[in-house]
Amino acid sequence: MPLTVHDRIITDRGSVYAVSGGPVADRAAIAAMLAELTSVRRFAKATHHSWAARLGGAGLKADDGEAGAGAIILRMLETEGLDDHVVIVTRWYGGKHLGGDRFRHVIAAVRHYLAALNG
């Protein structure tokens, strides 16, 4: 299963969010998914690519400058019981700070991805 991308799912005060993901078997597969995503010029210009994955039940995460976002994504994957899968929330910063709303947007983006995955 290749990388799945849901672009422009949330817009708030100029910031735009997308969510992507797919199955992964190891750290190299996570790096490959991130490289595939950022090979698209639009995504290469994004401000943040926060992500989390569970590999065999072990959690991995990265905030990419969006402090706390990776932990939120990881908790949601744990709650869902979704192993061997990476979820990436991408944000293009729009020039205005969103405060706590940015976490609500990360949650909404991951929910969007999980709903599409569970179809």
C-alpha atoms as a PDB file:
ATOM      1  CA  MET A   1       0.000   0.000   0.000  1.00  0.00           C
ATOM      2  CA  PRO A   2       1.552   3.311  -1.012  1.00  0.00           C
ATOM      3  CA  LEU A   3       1.568   6.650   0.765  1.00  0.00           C
ATOM      4  CA  THR A   4      -1.971   8.045   1.084  1.00  0.00           C
ATOM      5  CA  VAL A   5      -2.323  11.844   1.129  1.00  0.00           C
ATOM      6  CA  HIS A   6      -5.326  13.943   2.157  1.00  0.00           C
ATOM      7  CA  ASP A   7      -4.385  17.531   1.269  1.00  0.00           C
ATOM      8  CA  ARG A   8      -5.939  20.813   2.396  1.00  0.00           C
ATOM      9  CA  ILE A   9      -8.295  19.211   4.909  1.00  0.00           C
ATOM     10  CA  ILE A  10      -8.154  22.061   7.465  1.00  0.00           C
ATOM     11  CA  THR A  11      -7.592  25.797   7.007  1.00  0.00           C
ATOM     12  CA  ASP A  12      -7.395  28.241   9.909  1.00  0.00           C
ATOM     13  CA  ARG A  13      -6.055  31.813   9.946  1.00  0.00           C
ATOM     14  CA  GLY A  14      -3.894  31.131   6.924  1.00  0.00           C
ATOM     15  CA  SER A  15      -2.466  27.829   8.150  1.00  0.00           C
ATOM     16  CA  VAL A  16      -3.304  24.792   6.033  1.00  0.00           C
ATOM     17  CA  TYR A  17      -3.160  21.155   7.135  1.00  0.00           C
ATOM     18  CA  ALA A  18      -2.793  17.849   5.331  1.00  0.00           C
ATOM     19  CA  VAL A  19      -2.532  14.310   6.667  1.00  0.00           C
ATOM     20  CA  SER A  20      -0.698  11.390   5.089  1.00  0.00           C
ATOM     21  CA  GLY A  21       0.377   7.915   5.999  1.00  0.00           C
ATOM     22  CA  GLY A  22       0.772   4.287   5.152  1.00  0.00           C
ATOM     23  CA  PRO A  23       2.038   0.942   6.370  1.00  0.00           C
ATOM     24  CA  VAL A  24       5.685   0.711   7.419  1.00  0.00           C
ATOM     25  CA  ALA A  25       7.881  -2.156   8.570  1.00  0.00           C
ATOM     26  CA  ASP A  26      10.851  -0.257  10.015  1.00  0.00           C
ATOM     27  CA  ARG A  27      12.526   3.153  10.484  1.00  0.00           C
ATOM     28  CA  ALA A  28      13.842   3.041   6.919  1.00  0.00           C
ATOM     29  CA  ALA A  29      10.277   2.761   5.618  1.00  0.00           C
ATOM     30  CA  ILE A  30       9.264   5.789   7.698  1.00  0.00           C
ATOM     31  CA  ALA A  31      12.165   7.780   6.252  1.00  0.00           C
ATOM     32  CA  ALA A  32      11.175   6.633   2.756  1.00  0.00           C
ATOM     33  CA  MET A  33       7.563   7.791   3.281  1.00  0.00           C
ATOM     34  CA  LEU A  34       8.743  11.203   4.512  1.00  0.00           C
ATOM     35  CA  ALA A  35      11.122  11.463   1.538  1.00  0.00           C
ATOM     36  CA  GLU A  36       8.316  10.529  -0.869  1.00  0.00           C
ATOM     37  CA  LEU A  37       6.018  13.136   0.668  1.00  0.00           C
ATOM     38  CA  THR A  38       8.607  15.918   0.605  1.00  0.00           C
ATOM     39  CA  SER A  39       9.610  15.078  -2.967  1.00  0.00           C
ATOM     40  CA  VAL A  40       6.394  16.873  -3.953  1.00  0.00           C
ATOM     41  CA  ARG A  41       7.279  20.559  -4.169  1.00  0.00           C
ATOM     42  CA  ARG A  42       4.198  21.746  -2.297  1.00  0.00           C
ATOM     43  CA  PHE A  43       4.987  19.452   0.635  1.00  0.00           C
ATOM     44  CA  ALA A  44       8.698  20.295   0.550  1.00  0.00           C
ATOM     45  CA  LYS A  45       7.697  23.903   1.286  1.00  0.00           C
ATOM     46  CA  ALA A  46       5.577  22.992   4.337  1.00  0.00           C
ATOM     47  CA  THR A  47       6.571  24.356   7.731  1.00  0.00           C
ATOM     48  CA  HIS A  48       6.054  21.154   9.754  1.00  0.00           C
ATOM     49  CA  HIS A  49       5.777  17.418   9.121  1.00  0.00           C
ATOM     50  CA  SER A  50       4.873  15.992  12.544  1.00  0.00           C
ATOM     51  CA  TRP A  51       4.563  12.218  12.583  1.00  0.00           C
ATOM     52  CA  ALA A  52       4.240   9.113  14.696  1.00  0.00           C
ATOM     53  CA  ALA A  53       4.398   5.390  14.091  1.00  0.00           C
ATOM     54  CA  ARG A  54       4.123   2.168  16.020  1.00  0.00           C
ATOM     55  CA  LEU A  55       6.469  -0.605  14.960  1.00  0.00           C
ATOM     56  CA  GLY A  56       5.602  -3.857  16.655  1.00  0.00           C
ATOM     57  CA  GLY A  57       3.967  -1.892  19.463  1.00  0.00           C
ATOM     58  CA  ALA A  58       6.965   0.422  20.032  1.00  0.00           C
ATOM     59  CA  GLY A  59       6.177   4.090  19.509  1.00  0.00           C
ATOM     60  CA  LEU A  60       8.272   6.495  17.447  1.00  0.00           C
ATOM     61  CA  LYS A  61       7.488  10.161  16.930  1.00  0.00           C
ATOM     62  CA  ALA A  62       8.832  13.494  15.726  1.00  0.00           C
ATOM     63  CA  ASP A  63       7.358  16.964  16.234  1.00  0.00           C
ATOM     64  CA  ASP A  64       9.339  18.737  13.483  1.00  0.00           C
ATOM     65  CA  GLY A  65       8.993  22.032  15.323  1.00  0.00           C
ATOM     66  CA  GLU A  66       5.320  21.574  16.258  1.00  0.00           C
ATOM     67  CA  ALA A  67       5.978  20.822  19.940  1.00  0.00           C
ATOM     68  CA  GLY A  68       3.802  18.007  21.277  1.00  0.00           C
ATOM     69  CA  ALA A  69       2.205  17.071  17.943  1.00  0.00           C
ATOM     70  CA  GLY A  70       4.082  13.772  17.573  1.00  0.00           C
ATOM     71  CA  ALA A  71       2.930  12.660  21.024  1.00  0.00           C
ATOM     72  CA  ILE A  72      -0.688  13.433  20.153  1.00  0.00           C
ATOM     73  CA  ILE A  73      -0.471  11.419  16.927  1.00  0.00           C
ATOM     74  CA  LEU A  74       1.210   8.515  18.751  1.00  0.00           C
ATOM     75  CA  ARG A  75      -1.475   8.438  21.478  1.00  0.00           C
ATOM     76  CA  MET A  76      -4.160   8.294  18.798  1.00  0.00           C
ATOM     77  CA  LEU A  77      -2.398   5.396  17.032  1.00  0.00           C
ATOM     78  CA  GLU A  78      -2.109   3.574  20.362  1.00  0.00           C
ATOM     79  CA  THR A  79      -5.804   4.116  21.101  1.00  0.00           C
ATOM     80  CA  GLU A  80      -6.678   2.828  17.633  1.00  0.00           C
ATOM     81  CA  GLY A  81      -4.294  -0.136  18.034  1.00  0.00           C
ATOM     82  CA  LEU A  82      -2.762   0.703  14.659  1.00  0.00           C
ATOM     83  CA  ASP A  83       0.663  -0.959  14.418  1.00  0.00           C
ATOM     84  CA  ASP A  84       3.237  -0.878  11.625  1.00  0.00           C
ATOM     85  CA  HIS A  85       1.791   2.338  10.233  1.00  0.00           C
ATOM     86  CA  VAL A  86       2.994   5.953  10.076  1.00  0.00           C
ATOM     87  CA  VAL A  87       0.731   9.026  10.153  1.00  0.00           C
ATOM     88  CA  ILE A  88       2.156  12.402   9.134  1.00  0.00           C
ATOM     89  CA  VAL A  89       0.387  15.715   9.822  1.00  0.00           C
ATOM     90  CA  THR A  90       1.703  18.496   7.595  1.00  0.00           C
ATOM     91  CA  ARG A  91       1.194  22.191   8.325  1.00  0.00           C
ATOM     92  CA  TRP A  92       1.890  25.228   6.229  1.00  0.00           C
ATOM     93  CA  TYR A  93       2.160  28.114   8.721  1.00  0.00           C
ATOM     94  CA  GLY A  94      -0.070  30.995   7.738  1.00  0.00           C
ATOM     95  CA  GLY A  95       1.545  33.802   9.729  1.00  0.00           C
ATOM     96  CA  LYS A  96      -0.766  33.817  12.758  1.00  0.00           C
ATOM     97  CA  HIS A  97      -0.230  31.773  15.903  1.00  0.00           C
ATOM     98  CA  LEU A  98      -3.051  29.304  16.512  1.00  0.00           C
ATOM     99  CA  GLY A  99      -2.334  28.586  20.182  1.00  0.00           C
ATOM    100  CA  GLY A 100      -4.133  25.490  21.437  1.00  0.00           C
ATOM    101  CA  ASP A 101      -6.167  25.285  18.234  1.00  0.00           C
ATOM    102  CA  ARG A 102      -3.149  23.761  16.509  1.00  0.00           C
ATOM    103  CA  PHE A 103      -3.525  20.649  18.682  1.00  0.00           C
ATOM    104  CA  ARG A 104      -7.226  20.417  17.874  1.00  0.00           C
ATOM    105  CA  HIS A 105      -6.264  20.560  14.193  1.00  0.00           C
ATOM    106  CA  VAL A 106      -3.688  17.773  14.611  1.00  0.00           C
ATOM    107  CA  ILE A 107      -6.358  15.630  16.302  1.00  0.00           C
ATOM    108  CA  ALA A 108      -8.898  16.418  13.568  1.00  0.00           C
ATOM    109  CA  ALA A 109      -6.348  15.584  10.858  1.00  0.00           C
ATOM    110  CA  VAL A 110      -5.512  12.207  12.409  1.00  0.00           C
ATOM    111  CA  ARG A 111      -9.228  11.447  12.870  1.00  0.00           C
ATOM    112  CA  HIS A 112      -9.736  12.265   9.172  1.00  0.00           C
ATOM    113  CA  TYR A 113      -6.961   9.838   8.215  1.00  0.00           C
ATOM    114  CA  LEU A 114      -8.216   7.040  10.480  1.00  0.00           C
ATOM    115  CA  ALA A 115     -11.805   7.450   9.232  1.00  0.00           C
ATOM    116  CA  ALA A 116     -10.616   7.180   5.615  1.00  0.00           C
ATOM    117  CA  LEU A 117      -8.426   4.185   6.495  1.00  0.00           C
ATOM    118  CA  ASN A 118     -11.303   2.372   8.194  1.00  0.00           C
ATOM    119  CA  GLY A 119     -13.504   3.377   5.323  1.00  0.00           C
END
